[in-house]
Amino acid sequence: MTTKVKAFEIGDHKIAPGTRRTIDLPVSVLSDHTPVTMSVHVLHGSKPGPVMFVSAAVHGDEVIGVEIARRVLKAPQLEIQELDKLKGTLMVIPIVNAFGFLNHSRYLPDRRDLNRSFPGSLRGSLAGRLAHLFMSEIVNRSDYGIDLHSAAIHRTNLPQIRVSPSRADTLSLAKAFGAPVILTSKVRDGSLRQAAQLKGTDVLVFEAGEGLRFDEMAIRAGVSGVLRVMRSLKMLGAKGITRPKARSILSKTSYWVRSPAGGLLRPFKSVGDVVEPGMLLGITSDPFGEKERNVLAELGGLIVGRTNLPVVNEGDGLFHIAEFNERYDAETTLDSLASQLEADPLFDEDEII
């Protein structure tokens, strides 16, 4: 006997099985009386299954996630005529922090970091109210979540999944995503990941690229990863969704190499490079060239993040290095995953690219 799927309810809206629709959840009203909403695109399958959300621009200047969300919504597997095959429900929120997005800013107008404001409060600050809305309308309806991020402005990240698994299936979903690196890390107080985990929903955090910039390969890694997770959850079939050809590099610890002095940085290494202990990563010098300081790797590992700004202060984070204990051929892994993304037919169509 086939289980009848009910309409999906969110806010004051009902989305019928086998349909998709964008709905607007009221957030606030600007000082000039302009209403602000959080827009959610709901794809409600005709068959029973899990509920998953994909969110982006929690930090308003991290625009790469917005493009990933857009391409996911354009994926052939999620076209309206394919929703009779979709098991469960997908909620996509391309822009959580509309205030920051419009202002090209990481923060909200009150200078609060939304990702340090969860679970929020119905009667709290603007950040608290937006966080509360996201928790009540999105997280509380979801079994799984993927939150899309990039590095802050003037930094760049190698595509990576960050996760703190509390459930047995979470790490397997991180591996199914197929990012070059999986970093297991503690949750931060006030973060969406922490608040969702306390509600029983583990969230995969995808980090890639740089604030206010697009990176084509990082975007492709994000789109492929979201669809692979949906395939792993059996929300989608296997057609058109390739499995990663190499397993992700798993790292349980990472560290920042910080600038030994203020001045100008000349970097010799970039994201994706494998380094050995004591290896020269770059040189900082004063503007006169009179004093130079070597920037050295303390321990070996893989560079997963780096500053793009040559003007540095003493103590600034320059290189983020992930350590790994297993014997990975990291360079081969990265090359394999990159070549797979380049050849993936999912990105051949003009409307996706």
Protein backbone atom coordinates (compact mmCIF):
# COMPACT_ATOMS: atom_id res chain seq x y z
CA MET A 1 0.00 0.00 0.00
CA THR A 2 1.42 3.38 -1.03
CA THR A 3 1.64 5.98 1.72
CA LYS A 4 -0.23 9.13 0.76
CA VAL A 5 1.96 12.22 0.99
CA LYS A 6 0.37 15.23 2.64
CA ALA A 7 0.89 18.85 1.72
CA PHE A 8 4.02 20.40 3.20
CA GLU A 9 3.22 23.23 5.59
CA ILE A 10 5.54 26.16 6.25
CA GLY A 11 4.47 29.53 7.61
CA ASP A 12 0.93 30.09 6.40
CA HIS A 13 1.54 28.14 3.21
CA LYS A 14 0.79 24.61 2.01
CA ILE A 15 2.75 23.06 -0.85
CA ALA A 16 1.07 20.14 -2.58
CA PRO A 17 2.99 16.93 -3.31
CA GLY A 18 4.77 16.97 -6.67
CA THR A 19 5.05 20.77 -6.77
CA ARG A 20 7.64 23.45 -6.06
CA ARG A 21 7.11 26.99 -4.94
CA THR A 22 8.88 30.04 -3.50
CA ILE A 23 7.32 31.42 -0.34
CA ASP A 24 8.28 34.54 1.61
CA LEU A 25 8.52 34.52 5.40
CA PRO A 26 8.29 38.02 6.95
CA VAL A 27 11.44 39.06 8.84
CA SER A 28 11.26 42.78 9.53
CA VAL A 29 10.54 46.22 8.12
CA LEU A 30 13.38 48.59 7.27
CA SER A 31 13.52 52.13 8.59
CA ASP A 32 12.02 53.42 5.30
CA HIS A 33 9.10 50.98 5.70
CA THR A 34 10.43 48.48 3.15
CA PRO A 35 9.44 44.94 4.18
CA VAL A 36 12.19 42.30 4.38
CA THR A 37 11.44 38.60 3.99
CA MET A 38 13.35 35.34 4.03
CA SER A 39 12.54 33.55 0.79
CA VAL A 40 12.37 29.76 0.80
CA HIS A 41 11.97 27.59 -2.28
CA VAL A 42 10.20 24.36 -1.36
CA LEU A 43 10.34 21.27 -3.56
CA HIS A 44 7.83 18.77 -2.18
CA GLY A 45 8.12 15.27 -3.60
CA SER A 46 5.30 12.93 -4.45
CA LYS A 47 6.84 10.15 -2.38
CA PRO A 48 7.60 10.02 1.36
CA GLY A 49 11.15 10.72 2.48
CA PRO A 50 13.31 12.99 4.63
CA VAL A 51 13.20 16.77 4.80
CA MET A 52 16.48 18.54 4.01
CA PHE A 53 17.40 22.22 3.86
CA VAL A 54 20.15 23.97 1.93
CA SER A 55 20.98 27.46 3.18
CA ALA A 56 23.37 30.15 1.97
CA ALA A 57 24.42 33.72 2.78
CA VAL A 58 24.03 33.38 6.53
CA HIS A 59 26.97 35.74 6.18
CA GLY A 60 25.74 38.23 3.61
CA ASP A 61 29.03 38.62 1.72
CA GLU A 62 29.51 34.88 1.16
CA VAL A 63 27.87 34.91 -2.24
CA ILE A 64 29.28 31.65 -3.59
CA GLY A 65 26.59 29.73 -1.69
CA VAL A 66 23.88 31.78 -3.38
CA GLU A 67 25.11 30.64 -6.78
CA ILE A 68 25.36 27.03 -5.61
CA ALA A 69 21.75 27.20 -4.39
CA ARG A 70 20.63 28.68 -7.70
CA ARG A 71 22.29 25.91 -9.70
CA VAL A 72 20.87 23.22 -7.41
CA LEU A 73 17.38 24.58 -8.10
CA LYS A 74 18.14 24.43 -11.85
CA ALA A 75 19.41 20.83 -11.73
CA PRO A 76 17.62 18.53 -14.20
CA GLN A 77 16.82 16.09 -11.38
CA LEU A 78 14.71 18.76 -9.66
CA GLU A 79 12.69 20.08 -12.57
CA ILE A 80 8.95 20.18 -12.02
CA GLN A 81 8.31 17.14 -14.24
CA GLU A 82 10.75 15.12 -12.11
CA LEU A 83 9.15 15.83 -8.74
CA ASP A 84 7.01 12.71 -8.97
CA LYS A 85 10.31 10.84 -8.39
CA LEU A 86 11.51 13.02 -5.51
CA LYS A 87 11.30 11.32 -2.13
CA GLY A 88 10.80 13.79 0.66
CA THR A 89 11.15 17.56 0.67
CA LEU A 90 13.95 19.98 -0.11
CA MET A 91 13.94 23.55 1.23
CA VAL A 92 16.44 25.93 -0.36
CA ILE A 93 17.14 29.31 1.24
CA PRO A 94 19.62 31.07 -1.09
CA ILE A 95 19.86 34.24 1.03
CA VAL A 96 19.30 33.94 4.77
CA ASN A 97 20.84 37.30 5.67
CA ALA A 98 19.23 39.62 3.09
CA PHE A 99 20.44 42.69 5.00
CA GLY A 100 24.10 41.73 4.68
CA PHE A 101 23.66 40.49 1.11
CA LEU A 102 22.29 43.83 -0.08
CA ASN A 103 25.07 45.71 1.68
CA HIS A 104 27.88 43.31 0.65
CA SER A 105 28.46 42.78 4.36
CA ARG A 106 29.03 39.75 6.55
CA TYR A 107 26.88 41.25 9.28
CA LEU A 108 23.39 42.50 9.99
CA PRO A 109 22.65 46.25 10.28
CA ASP A 110 23.22 46.05 14.06
CA ARG A 111 26.74 44.66 13.34
CA ARG A 112 25.84 41.30 14.83
CA ASP A 113 27.06 38.05 13.29
CA LEU A 114 23.98 35.96 12.52
CA ASN A 115 26.01 32.77 12.87
CA ARG A 116 26.70 33.63 16.51
CA SER A 117 23.04 34.46 17.27
CA PHE A 118 21.33 31.05 17.15
CA PRO A 119 18.89 29.78 18.36
CA GLY A 120 17.70 33.36 18.63
CA SER A 121 14.68 34.85 20.30
CA LEU A 122 11.26 35.97 19.12
CA ARG A 123 11.66 39.21 21.09
CA GLY A 124 15.41 39.66 20.80
CA SER A 125 17.65 41.74 18.53
CA LEU A 126 17.22 41.75 14.76
CA ALA A 127 19.85 38.96 14.54
CA GLY A 128 18.08 37.01 17.28
CA ARG A 129 14.70 37.32 15.57
CA LEU A 130 16.05 36.19 12.21
CA ALA A 131 17.81 33.24 13.86
CA HIS A 132 14.60 32.32 15.68
CA LEU A 133 12.63 32.45 12.43
CA PHE A 134 15.14 30.17 10.72
CA MET A 135 15.08 27.69 13.60
CA SER A 136 11.29 27.57 13.91
CA GLU A 137 10.43 27.48 10.21
CA ILE A 138 13.38 25.62 8.69
CA VAL A 139 15.44 23.61 11.19
CA ASN A 140 12.47 22.34 13.21
CA ARG A 141 10.98 20.89 10.01
CA SER A 142 14.22 19.28 8.81
CA ASP A 143 15.97 15.96 9.27
CA TYR A 144 19.18 17.12 7.57
CA GLY A 145 20.81 20.39 6.58
CA ILE A 146 23.64 21.74 4.43
CA ASP A 147 24.86 25.27 5.16
CA LEU A 148 26.92 26.89 2.40
CA HIS A 149 29.76 29.27 3.27
CA SER A 150 32.97 30.76 1.90
CA ALA A 151 35.99 32.26 3.55
CA ALA A 152 35.71 35.86 4.69
CA ILE A 153 36.65 38.66 2.33
CA HIS A 154 40.36 38.64 1.37
CA ARG A 155 40.66 34.95 2.26
CA THR A 156 40.02 31.80 0.26
CA ASN A 157 39.14 28.23 1.24
CA LEU A 158 39.74 24.93 -0.51
CA PRO A 159 36.34 23.22 -0.88
CA GLN A 160 35.77 21.38 2.40
CA ILE A 161 33.06 19.96 4.62
CA ARG A 162 33.08 20.84 8.31
CA VAL A 163 31.12 18.59 10.59
CA SER A 164 30.75 17.58 14.22
CA PRO A 165 28.84 14.32 13.97
CA SER A 166 26.45 13.41 16.76
CA ARG A 167 24.62 10.84 14.64
CA ALA A 168 26.01 7.75 12.98
CA ASP A 169 24.91 8.74 9.48
CA THR A 170 26.34 12.26 9.51
CA LEU A 171 29.94 11.37 8.66
CA SER A 172 28.75 9.04 5.90
CA LEU A 173 26.80 11.94 4.37
CA ALA A 174 29.91 14.13 4.61
CA LYS A 175 31.83 11.45 2.70
CA ALA A 176 29.03 11.16 0.15
CA PHE A 177 29.28 14.92 -0.49
CA GLY A 178 32.69 14.32 -2.04
CA ALA A 179 34.53 17.52 -1.07
CA PRO A 180 38.33 17.24 -1.14
CA VAL A 181 38.56 17.59 2.65
CA ILE A 182 36.37 16.74 5.66
CA LEU A 183 37.29 18.64 8.82
CA THR A 184 35.73 17.32 12.00
CA SER A 185 35.53 20.25 14.39
CA LYS A 186 33.74 21.41 17.49
CA VAL A 187 30.63 23.53 17.09
CA ARG A 188 30.85 27.22 17.99
CA ASP A 189 28.53 28.80 20.51
CA GLY A 190 25.65 30.57 18.83
CA SER A 191 26.20 28.93 15.46
CA LEU A 192 23.48 27.42 13.31
CA ARG A 193 25.33 24.10 13.45
CA GLN A 194 25.27 24.06 17.26
CA ALA A 195 21.61 25.11 17.57
CA ALA A 196 20.49 22.58 14.96
CA GLN A 197 22.49 19.79 16.58
CA LEU A 198 20.83 20.48 19.93
CA LYS A 199 17.50 20.03 18.12
CA GLY A 200 18.68 16.68 16.74
CA THR A 201 19.59 17.86 13.23
CA ASP A 202 23.25 17.54 12.22
CA VAL A 203 24.31 20.13 9.64
CA LEU A 204 27.07 19.78 7.06
CA VAL A 205 28.90 23.09 6.59
CA PHE A 206 30.43 23.52 3.13
CA GLU A 207 33.27 26.06 2.96
CA ALA A 208 34.77 27.09 -0.38
CA GLY A 209 36.16 30.11 -2.16
CA GLU A 210 36.28 33.73 -1.05
CA GLY A 211 33.78 36.33 0.15
CA LEU A 212 32.20 38.48 -2.61
CA ARG A 213 33.78 36.28 -5.31
CA PHE A 214 32.76 33.34 -7.48
CA ASP A 215 35.03 30.33 -7.96
CA GLU A 216 33.76 28.00 -10.68
CA MET A 217 35.30 24.77 -9.41
CA ALA A 218 34.20 25.49 -5.86
CA ILE A 219 30.66 26.14 -7.11
CA ARG A 220 30.66 22.87 -9.02
CA ALA A 221 31.91 21.02 -5.94
CA GLY A 222 29.03 22.48 -3.93
CA VAL A 223 26.33 21.65 -6.49
CA SER A 224 27.60 18.09 -6.99
CA GLY A 225 27.90 17.62 -3.23
CA VAL A 226 24.32 18.65 -2.48
CA LEU A 227 22.95 16.31 -5.15
CA ARG A 228 25.18 13.47 -3.93
CA VAL A 229 23.86 13.88 -0.39
CA MET A 230 20.29 13.75 -1.73
CA ARG A 231 21.20 10.60 -3.64
CA SER A 232 22.72 9.07 -0.50
CA LEU A 233 19.48 9.80 1.39
CA LYS A 234 17.55 8.16 -1.48
CA MET A 235 15.72 11.42 -2.14
CA LEU A 236 16.99 11.25 -5.73
CA GLY A 237 17.90 8.38 -8.01
CA ALA A 238 21.38 7.77 -9.36
CA LYS A 239 20.75 9.14 -12.86
CA GLY A 240 23.09 12.01 -13.67
CA ILE A 241 24.67 12.09 -10.20
CA THR A 242 28.19 10.68 -10.11
CA ARG A 243 29.87 9.31 -7.02
CA PRO A 244 33.23 10.89 -6.10
CA LYS A 245 36.13 9.03 -7.71
CA ALA A 246 38.38 9.60 -4.71
CA ARG A 247 37.61 9.57 -1.01
CA SER A 248 37.79 12.82 0.89
CA ILE A 249 40.83 13.55 3.02
CA LEU A 250 39.67 13.30 6.65
CA SER A 251 41.27 15.67 9.15
CA LYS A 252 40.51 15.93 12.86
CA THR A 253 42.88 18.83 13.61
CA SER A 254 43.97 21.99 11.87
CA TYR A 255 45.91 25.11 12.77
CA TRP A 256 46.65 28.62 11.51
CA VAL A 257 50.15 29.83 10.68
CA ARG A 258 50.15 33.46 11.77
CA SER A 259 52.24 36.37 10.62
CA PRO A 260 55.45 36.77 12.67
CA ALA A 261 55.50 40.52 11.92
CA GLY A 262 53.54 43.24 10.20
CA GLY A 263 54.39 44.23 6.66
CA LEU A 264 54.00 42.79 3.18
CA LEU A 265 53.47 39.07 2.55
CA ARG A 266 55.01 37.25 -0.38
CA PRO A 267 53.31 33.82 -0.34
CA PHE A 268 54.93 30.80 -1.99
CA LYS A 269 52.17 28.28 -1.28
CA SER A 270 48.44 28.24 -1.92
CA VAL A 271 45.33 26.23 -1.06
CA GLY A 272 45.62 22.61 -2.10
CA ASP A 273 49.37 22.45 -1.53
CA VAL A 274 50.78 19.72 0.72
CA VAL A 275 53.45 20.99 3.11
CA GLU A 276 56.04 19.40 5.37
CA PRO A 277 57.10 20.55 8.86
CA GLY A 278 59.40 23.57 8.65
CA MET A 279 58.59 24.25 5.00
CA LEU A 280 58.83 27.87 3.84
CA LEU A 281 55.32 29.16 3.09
CA GLY A 282 56.15 32.80 2.45
CA ILE A 283 58.10 35.82 3.61
CA THR A 284 56.95 38.99 5.33
CA SER A 285 58.98 42.15 5.02
CA ASP A 286 58.68 45.79 5.97
CA PRO A 287 57.98 48.26 3.13
CA PHE A 288 61.67 49.23 2.99
CA GLY A 289 62.89 45.65 2.62
CA GLU A 290 65.17 46.01 5.62
CA LYS A 291 63.63 43.28 7.79
CA GLU A 292 62.37 39.98 6.46
CA ARG A 293 60.78 37.13 8.39
CA ASN A 294 60.21 33.62 7.11
CA VAL A 295 56.71 32.13 7.47
CA LEU A 296 57.18 28.44 8.23
CA ALA A 297 54.83 25.48 8.58
CA GLU A 298 54.91 24.19 12.14
CA LEU A 299 53.51 20.78 11.19
CA GLY A 300 52.84 19.00 7.93
CA GLY A 301 49.47 18.88 6.26
CA LEU A 302 47.28 20.32 3.52
CA ILE A 303 46.67 24.04 3.06
CA VAL A 304 42.88 24.44 3.18
CA GLY A 305 42.73 28.22 3.62
CA ARG A 306 44.90 31.24 2.93
CA THR A 307 44.85 35.00 3.05
CA ASN A 308 44.73 36.80 -0.29
CA LEU A 309 45.72 40.14 1.20
CA PRO A 310 49.44 40.97 0.96
CA VAL A 311 49.23 43.67 3.66
CA VAL A 312 49.40 41.88 7.02
CA ASN A 313 49.66 42.68 10.71
CA GLU A 314 51.55 40.70 13.29
CA GLY A 315 49.37 37.78 14.37
CA ASP A 316 47.15 37.73 11.27
CA GLY A 317 46.16 34.25 10.10
CA LEU A 318 48.04 33.54 6.86
CA PHE A 319 47.70 29.82 6.12
CA HIS A 320 45.15 27.34 7.47
CA ILE A 321 46.65 23.85 7.48
CA ALA A 322 44.72 20.63 8.04
CA GLU A 323 46.64 17.71 9.49
CA PHE A 324 45.81 14.14 8.51
CA ASN A 325 47.07 10.88 9.95
CA GLU A 326 46.10 8.41 7.24
CA ARG A 327 48.37 7.90 4.28
CA TYR A 328 46.54 9.86 1.63
CA ASP A 329 48.07 10.79 -1.66
CA ALA A 330 46.58 14.25 -1.24
CA GLU A 331 47.73 15.66 -4.56
CA THR A 332 46.27 12.71 -6.47
CA THR A 333 43.00 13.03 -4.54
CA LEU A 334 42.67 16.71 -5.37
CA ASP A 335 43.55 16.19 -9.04
CA SER A 336 41.06 13.33 -9.35
CA LEU A 337 38.18 15.27 -7.83
CA ALA A 338 38.96 18.39 -9.87
CA SER A 339 39.13 16.48 -13.17
CA GLN A 340 35.84 14.75 -12.32
CA LEU A 341 34.13 18.12 -11.83
CA GLU A 342 35.57 19.43 -15.09
CA ALA A 343 34.16 16.46 -17.00
CA ASP A 344 30.81 16.20 -15.19
CA PRO A 345 27.99 16.44 -17.79
CA LEU A 346 25.84 18.17 -15.18
CA PHE A 347 27.70 21.39 -15.96
CA ASP A 348 27.59 21.19 -19.74
CA GLU A 349 24.22 22.88 -20.13
CA ASP A 350 24.16 26.64 -20.50
CA GLU A 351 21.30 27.12 -18.05
CA ILE A 352 23.30 25.39 -15.30
CA ILE A 353 26.54 27.24 -16.02
